[in-house]
Amino acid sequence: QGRGSAGAPGAAGAAAPQGRGSAGAPGAAGAAAPQGRGSAGTRQQRLFVKIAVGREHGNTLAGLQALLQEHTGPLPVVLFYEHDQRSLALPDRYRVKPSPDLLQAIETLLGPHTAVIK
C-alpha cells in the first residue's frame, strides 16, 4: 500500500528514485542539475507535490496519477514524501501543464499547501 504500490505514479518499475537531494525537496534550492542554458540564476521550474503522512495509500496516489495524466505538459513533477523526507522525480510521462485548476485539484486531493511550482 505504500509508495511502491501499483497505484503510485512512476511505480511501474521504469523509474527508480533519484535519491535524496537529486530531485530536490520543496524548499531545497539548487538541488537539481544545472540546465546548461540561460543565465546562471535560471533553472527549469518543477511542480512539487507533498505527500503527507497518512496520504500515502494507493487510492490517493491513483487519484494523483489520474490528475497528472489529465494535465499533460512540459513541467516536471517531483513528489516529496513527508514521512521519509524523500523526493522522487517522476518520469517524463507525468509532466504537466501548470494551471490554477491543477493546483486546486491536487490540494483538494492531498490537502492545503501540497502543490507548489518552483
N, C-alpha and C. Protein backbone atom coordinates (compact mmCIF):
# COMPACT_ATOMS: atom_id res chain seq x y z
N GLN A 1 0.80 -1.19 0.00
CA GLN A 1 0.00 0.00 0.00
C GLN A 1 0.84 1.26 0.00
N GLY A 2 2.11 1.16 0.18
CA GLY A 2 2.97 2.34 0.27
C GLY A 2 3.31 2.91 -1.08
N ARG A 3 4.39 3.66 -1.10
CA ARG A 3 4.80 4.34 -2.31
C ARG A 3 5.14 3.38 -3.43
N GLY A 4 5.45 2.15 -3.14
CA GLY A 4 5.80 1.20 -4.18
C GLY A 4 4.58 0.50 -4.77
N SER A 5 3.40 0.88 -4.35
CA SER A 5 2.21 0.20 -4.85
C SER A 5 1.96 0.53 -6.30
N ALA A 6 1.19 -0.31 -6.94
CA ALA A 6 0.93 -0.14 -8.37
C ALA A 6 0.18 1.14 -8.67
N GLY A 7 -0.48 1.72 -7.68
CA GLY A 7 -1.24 2.94 -7.92
C GLY A 7 -0.40 4.20 -7.89
N ALA A 8 0.87 4.10 -7.51
CA ALA A 8 1.69 5.29 -7.40
C ALA A 8 2.22 5.71 -8.76
N PRO A 9 2.17 7.01 -9.06
CA PRO A 9 2.76 7.46 -10.31
C PRO A 9 4.23 7.07 -10.36
N GLY A 10 4.64 6.50 -11.46
CA GLY A 10 6.04 6.12 -11.63
C GLY A 10 6.42 4.84 -10.92
N ALA A 11 5.47 4.11 -10.35
CA ALA A 11 5.81 2.93 -9.58
C ALA A 11 5.84 1.66 -10.42
N ALA A 12 5.76 1.79 -11.73
CA ALA A 12 5.72 0.62 -12.60
C ALA A 12 7.09 -0.01 -12.76
N GLY A 13 8.08 0.51 -12.06
CA GLY A 13 9.41 -0.08 -12.13
C GLY A 13 10.29 0.60 -13.15
N ALA A 14 9.73 1.45 -14.01
CA ALA A 14 10.52 2.11 -15.03
C ALA A 14 11.32 3.27 -14.44
N ALA A 15 10.85 3.82 -13.35
CA ALA A 15 11.52 4.98 -12.77
C ALA A 15 12.05 4.63 -11.39
N ALA A 16 13.34 4.69 -11.25
CA ALA A 16 13.94 4.48 -9.94
C ALA A 16 14.01 5.82 -9.23
N PRO A 17 13.91 5.82 -7.92
CA PRO A 17 14.05 7.08 -7.19
C PRO A 17 15.38 7.73 -7.51
N GLN A 18 15.38 9.02 -7.58
CA GLN A 18 16.59 9.77 -7.90
C GLN A 18 17.53 9.86 -6.70
N GLY A 19 17.02 9.54 -5.53
CA GLY A 19 17.86 9.62 -4.34
C GLY A 19 17.67 10.94 -3.64
N ARG A 20 18.07 11.00 -2.41
CA ARG A 20 17.92 12.22 -1.64
C ARG A 20 18.75 13.34 -2.24
N GLY A 21 18.14 14.46 -2.41
CA GLY A 21 18.85 15.63 -2.89
C GLY A 21 18.96 15.69 -4.40
N SER A 22 18.86 14.59 -5.10
CA SER A 22 18.98 14.62 -6.55
C SER A 22 17.83 15.37 -7.18
N ALA A 23 16.63 15.01 -6.77
CA ALA A 23 15.45 15.63 -7.35
C ALA A 23 15.10 16.91 -6.62
N GLY A 24 15.49 17.01 -5.39
CA GLY A 24 15.21 18.21 -4.61
C GLY A 24 13.89 18.11 -3.90
N ALA A 25 13.87 18.60 -2.70
CA ALA A 25 12.64 18.64 -1.93
C ALA A 25 12.09 20.05 -1.98
N PRO A 26 10.81 20.20 -1.75
CA PRO A 26 10.29 21.57 -1.70
C PRO A 26 11.08 22.37 -0.68
N GLY A 27 11.54 23.51 -1.12
CA GLY A 27 12.34 24.35 -0.24
C GLY A 27 13.83 24.12 -0.38
N ALA A 28 14.24 23.10 -1.13
CA ALA A 28 15.66 22.83 -1.31
C ALA A 28 16.13 23.51 -2.59
N ALA A 29 16.78 24.63 -2.47
CA ALA A 29 17.21 25.38 -3.64
C ALA A 29 18.46 24.75 -4.24
N GLY A 30 18.52 24.72 -5.54
CA GLY A 30 19.71 24.28 -6.24
C GLY A 30 19.96 22.80 -6.21
N ALA A 31 18.99 21.98 -5.89
CA ALA A 31 19.22 20.54 -5.80
C ALA A 31 19.24 19.87 -7.16
N ALA A 32 18.65 20.50 -8.16
CA ALA A 32 18.58 19.90 -9.49
C ALA A 32 19.87 20.16 -10.24
N ALA A 33 20.16 19.31 -11.20
CA ALA A 33 21.33 19.50 -12.04
C ALA A 33 21.12 20.76 -12.89
N PRO A 34 22.16 21.50 -13.17
CA PRO A 34 22.02 22.70 -13.97
C PRO A 34 21.48 22.37 -15.36
N GLN A 35 20.70 23.27 -15.90
CA GLN A 35 20.10 23.05 -17.21
C GLN A 35 21.07 23.38 -18.34
N GLY A 36 22.07 24.22 -18.08
CA GLY A 36 23.07 24.49 -19.09
C GLY A 36 22.63 25.55 -20.11
N ARG A 37 21.51 26.23 -19.88
CA ARG A 37 21.11 27.29 -20.79
C ARG A 37 20.57 28.45 -19.97
N GLY A 38 20.59 29.61 -20.58
CA GLY A 38 20.11 30.79 -19.88
C GLY A 38 21.17 31.31 -18.92
N SER A 39 20.78 32.29 -18.11
CA SER A 39 21.73 32.87 -17.17
C SER A 39 21.98 31.91 -16.01
N ALA A 40 22.99 32.22 -15.24
CA ALA A 40 23.38 31.33 -14.14
C ALA A 40 22.25 31.13 -13.13
N GLY A 41 21.38 32.13 -12.96
CA GLY A 41 20.30 32.02 -12.00
C GLY A 41 19.04 31.37 -12.56
N THR A 42 19.04 30.99 -13.82
CA THR A 42 17.84 30.41 -14.43
C THR A 42 17.84 28.91 -14.26
N ARG A 43 16.70 28.38 -13.85
CA ARG A 43 16.58 26.94 -13.67
C ARG A 43 15.17 26.57 -14.05
N GLN A 44 15.00 25.39 -14.59
CA GLN A 44 13.68 24.95 -15.02
C GLN A 44 12.77 24.80 -13.81
N GLN A 45 11.55 25.31 -13.95
CA GLN A 45 10.59 25.14 -12.87
C GLN A 45 10.10 23.70 -12.83
N ARG A 46 9.63 23.31 -11.65
CA ARG A 46 9.07 21.97 -11.44
C ARG A 46 7.85 22.10 -10.54
N LEU A 47 6.97 21.14 -10.65
CA LEU A 47 5.83 21.05 -9.74
C LEU A 47 6.22 20.09 -8.62
N PHE A 48 6.22 20.60 -7.39
CA PHE A 48 6.49 19.77 -6.23
C PHE A 48 5.16 19.43 -5.58
N VAL A 49 4.96 18.15 -5.29
CA VAL A 49 3.73 17.68 -4.66
C VAL A 49 4.12 16.97 -3.37
N LYS A 50 3.62 17.49 -2.26
CA LYS A 50 3.92 16.90 -0.95
C LYS A 50 2.89 15.83 -0.64
N ILE A 51 3.39 14.64 -0.32
CA ILE A 51 2.55 13.53 0.11
C ILE A 51 2.69 13.44 1.62
N ALA A 52 1.69 13.95 2.33
CA ALA A 52 1.74 13.99 3.79
C ALA A 52 1.55 12.60 4.38
N VAL A 53 1.99 12.46 5.62
CA VAL A 53 1.79 11.21 6.36
C VAL A 53 0.29 10.91 6.38
N GLY A 54 -0.06 9.68 6.08
CA GLY A 54 -1.47 9.29 6.06
C GLY A 54 -2.12 9.43 4.69
N ARG A 55 -1.42 10.06 3.75
CA ARG A 55 -1.96 10.23 2.39
C ARG A 55 -1.23 9.34 1.39
N GLU A 56 -0.45 8.40 1.89
CA GLU A 56 0.40 7.59 1.02
C GLU A 56 -0.28 6.34 0.48
N HIS A 57 -1.56 6.18 0.71
CA HIS A 57 -2.24 4.95 0.29
C HIS A 57 -2.56 4.97 -1.21
N GLY A 58 -2.81 3.80 -1.75
CA GLY A 58 -2.99 3.60 -3.18
C GLY A 58 -4.10 4.42 -3.81
N ASN A 59 -5.25 4.56 -3.13
CA ASN A 59 -6.35 5.31 -3.73
C ASN A 59 -5.97 6.77 -3.96
N THR A 60 -5.31 7.37 -3.01
CA THR A 60 -4.90 8.77 -3.15
C THR A 60 -3.86 8.90 -4.26
N LEU A 61 -2.90 8.00 -4.28
CA LEU A 61 -1.86 8.06 -5.31
C LEU A 61 -2.43 7.79 -6.70
N ALA A 62 -3.42 6.91 -6.78
CA ALA A 62 -4.08 6.66 -8.07
C ALA A 62 -4.82 7.92 -8.53
N GLY A 63 -5.45 8.62 -7.59
CA GLY A 63 -6.11 9.87 -7.93
C GLY A 63 -5.13 10.92 -8.42
N LEU A 64 -3.98 10.99 -7.78
CA LEU A 64 -2.94 11.93 -8.21
C LEU A 64 -2.44 11.57 -9.60
N GLN A 65 -2.23 10.30 -9.82
CA GLN A 65 -1.77 9.83 -11.13
C GLN A 65 -2.76 10.25 -12.22
N ALA A 66 -4.03 10.07 -11.97
CA ALA A 66 -5.06 10.46 -12.95
C ALA A 66 -5.03 11.96 -13.20
N LEU A 67 -4.90 12.75 -12.14
CA LEU A 67 -4.83 14.21 -12.29
C LEU A 67 -3.65 14.62 -13.16
N LEU A 68 -2.50 14.05 -12.88
CA LEU A 68 -1.31 14.41 -13.65
C LEU A 68 -1.48 14.05 -15.12
N GLN A 69 -2.08 12.91 -15.39
CA GLN A 69 -2.26 12.47 -16.77
C GLN A 69 -3.32 13.30 -17.51
N GLU A 70 -4.22 13.94 -16.78
CA GLU A 70 -5.23 14.80 -17.39
C GLU A 70 -4.67 16.17 -17.75
N HIS A 71 -3.51 16.51 -17.22
CA HIS A 71 -2.93 17.85 -17.41
C HIS A 71 -1.53 17.76 -17.99
N THR A 72 -1.35 16.94 -19.01
CA THR A 72 -0.02 16.75 -19.58
C THR A 72 0.54 18.05 -20.15
N GLY A 73 1.84 18.21 -20.00
CA GLY A 73 2.51 19.41 -20.47
C GLY A 73 4.01 19.31 -20.26
N PRO A 74 4.69 20.45 -20.18
CA PRO A 74 6.16 20.46 -20.17
C PRO A 74 6.82 20.43 -18.79
N LEU A 75 6.06 20.61 -17.71
CA LEU A 75 6.66 20.81 -16.39
C LEU A 75 6.92 19.49 -15.66
N PRO A 76 8.17 19.23 -15.26
CA PRO A 76 8.48 18.02 -14.50
C PRO A 76 7.78 18.03 -13.13
N VAL A 77 7.50 16.84 -12.61
CA VAL A 77 6.83 16.70 -11.31
C VAL A 77 7.75 15.95 -10.36
N VAL A 78 7.83 16.46 -9.13
CA VAL A 78 8.61 15.82 -8.08
C VAL A 78 7.68 15.58 -6.90
N LEU A 79 7.62 14.33 -6.44
CA LEU A 79 6.85 14.01 -5.24
C LEU A 79 7.78 14.10 -4.05
N PHE A 80 7.27 14.66 -2.97
CA PHE A 80 8.02 14.72 -1.72
C PHE A 80 7.23 13.98 -0.66
N TYR A 81 7.78 12.86 -0.19
CA TYR A 81 7.12 12.05 0.83
C TYR A 81 7.53 12.57 2.20
N GLU A 82 6.59 13.21 2.89
CA GLU A 82 6.86 13.85 4.17
C GLU A 82 7.36 12.85 5.22
N HIS A 83 6.79 11.67 5.27
CA HIS A 83 7.15 10.67 6.27
C HIS A 83 8.63 10.30 6.19
N ASP A 84 9.11 10.07 4.96
CA ASP A 84 10.50 9.65 4.76
C ASP A 84 11.45 10.81 4.50
N GLN A 85 10.90 12.01 4.29
CA GLN A 85 11.71 13.15 3.86
C GLN A 85 12.48 12.77 2.59
N ARG A 86 11.76 12.16 1.65
CA ARG A 86 12.37 11.62 0.43
C ARG A 86 11.67 12.21 -0.78
N SER A 87 12.44 12.52 -1.81
CA SER A 87 11.90 13.06 -3.05
C SER A 87 12.00 12.03 -4.15
N LEU A 88 11.03 12.09 -5.06
CA LEU A 88 11.01 11.18 -6.21
C LEU A 88 10.63 11.99 -7.44
N ALA A 89 11.57 12.12 -8.37
CA ALA A 89 11.30 12.79 -9.64
C ALA A 89 10.55 11.80 -10.53
N LEU A 90 9.36 12.19 -10.97
CA LEU A 90 8.56 11.29 -11.79
C LEU A 90 9.07 11.27 -13.23
N PRO A 91 8.79 10.18 -13.95
CA PRO A 91 9.19 10.08 -15.35
C PRO A 91 8.51 11.16 -16.20
N ASP A 92 9.08 11.41 -17.36
CA ASP A 92 8.57 12.44 -18.26
C ASP A 92 7.10 12.27 -18.62
N ARG A 93 6.59 11.07 -18.61
CA ARG A 93 5.18 10.86 -18.98
C ARG A 93 4.22 11.52 -17.98
N TYR A 94 4.74 11.94 -16.83
CA TYR A 94 3.91 12.62 -15.83
C TYR A 94 4.15 14.13 -15.80
N ARG A 95 4.81 14.67 -16.81
CA ARG A 95 4.98 16.13 -16.88
C ARG A 95 3.62 16.77 -17.06
N VAL A 96 3.47 17.97 -16.52
CA VAL A 96 2.15 18.61 -16.51
C VAL A 96 2.19 20.02 -17.09
N LYS A 97 1.01 20.48 -17.47
CA LYS A 97 0.80 21.88 -17.83
C LYS A 97 0.23 22.54 -16.58
N PRO A 98 1.00 23.42 -15.96
CA PRO A 98 0.52 24.02 -14.71
C PRO A 98 -0.67 24.94 -14.94
N SER A 99 -1.59 24.89 -14.02
CA SER A 99 -2.76 25.76 -14.09
C SER A 99 -3.35 25.87 -12.68
N PRO A 100 -4.09 26.92 -12.42
CA PRO A 100 -4.76 27.03 -11.12
C PRO A 100 -5.70 25.84 -10.86
N ASP A 101 -6.33 25.33 -11.92
CA ASP A 101 -7.23 24.18 -11.77
C ASP A 101 -6.47 22.95 -11.29
N LEU A 102 -5.30 22.71 -11.86
CA LEU A 102 -4.50 21.54 -11.47
C LEU A 102 -4.05 21.68 -10.00
N LEU A 103 -3.53 22.83 -9.65
CA LEU A 103 -3.06 23.03 -8.27
C LEU A 103 -4.21 22.87 -7.28
N GLN A 104 -5.37 23.42 -7.62
CA GLN A 104 -6.55 23.29 -6.75
C GLN A 104 -6.97 21.83 -6.61
N ALA A 105 -6.96 21.09 -7.72
CA ALA A 105 -7.35 19.68 -7.68
C ALA A 105 -6.39 18.86 -6.82
N ILE A 106 -5.09 19.15 -6.93
CA ILE A 106 -4.10 18.44 -6.11
C ILE A 106 -4.33 18.75 -4.63
N GLU A 107 -4.58 20.01 -4.32
CA GLU A 107 -4.79 20.39 -2.92
C GLU A 107 -6.12 19.85 -2.38
N THR A 108 -7.10 19.70 -3.24
CA THR A 108 -8.36 19.07 -2.82
C THR A 108 -8.11 17.60 -2.46
N LEU A 109 -7.27 16.95 -3.24
CA LEU A 109 -6.96 15.54 -3.02
C LEU A 109 -6.03 15.33 -1.82
N LEU A 110 -4.99 16.16 -1.73
CA LEU A 110 -3.91 15.92 -0.75
C LEU A 110 -3.90 16.87 0.44
N GLY A 111 -4.65 17.94 0.38
CA GLY A 111 -4.68 18.90 1.47
C GLY A 111 -4.05 20.22 1.08
N PRO A 112 -4.28 21.24 1.90
CA PRO A 112 -3.75 22.57 1.59
C PRO A 112 -2.22 22.60 1.58
N HIS A 113 -1.69 23.44 0.73
CA HIS A 113 -0.24 23.70 0.65
C HIS A 113 0.54 22.44 0.25
N THR A 114 -0.04 21.61 -0.60
CA THR A 114 0.65 20.39 -1.01
C THR A 114 1.17 20.46 -2.45
N ALA A 115 0.86 21.53 -3.16
CA ALA A 115 1.33 21.67 -4.53
C ALA A 115 1.95 23.05 -4.71
N VAL A 116 3.18 23.08 -5.18
CA VAL A 116 3.87 24.36 -5.41
C VAL A 116 4.75 24.25 -6.65
N ILE A 117 4.78 25.32 -7.41
CA ILE A 117 5.66 25.38 -8.57
C ILE A 117 6.86 26.23 -8.20
N LYS A 118 8.04 25.65 -8.36
CA LYS A 118 9.29 26.36 -8.03
C LYS A 118 10.29 26.13 -9.13
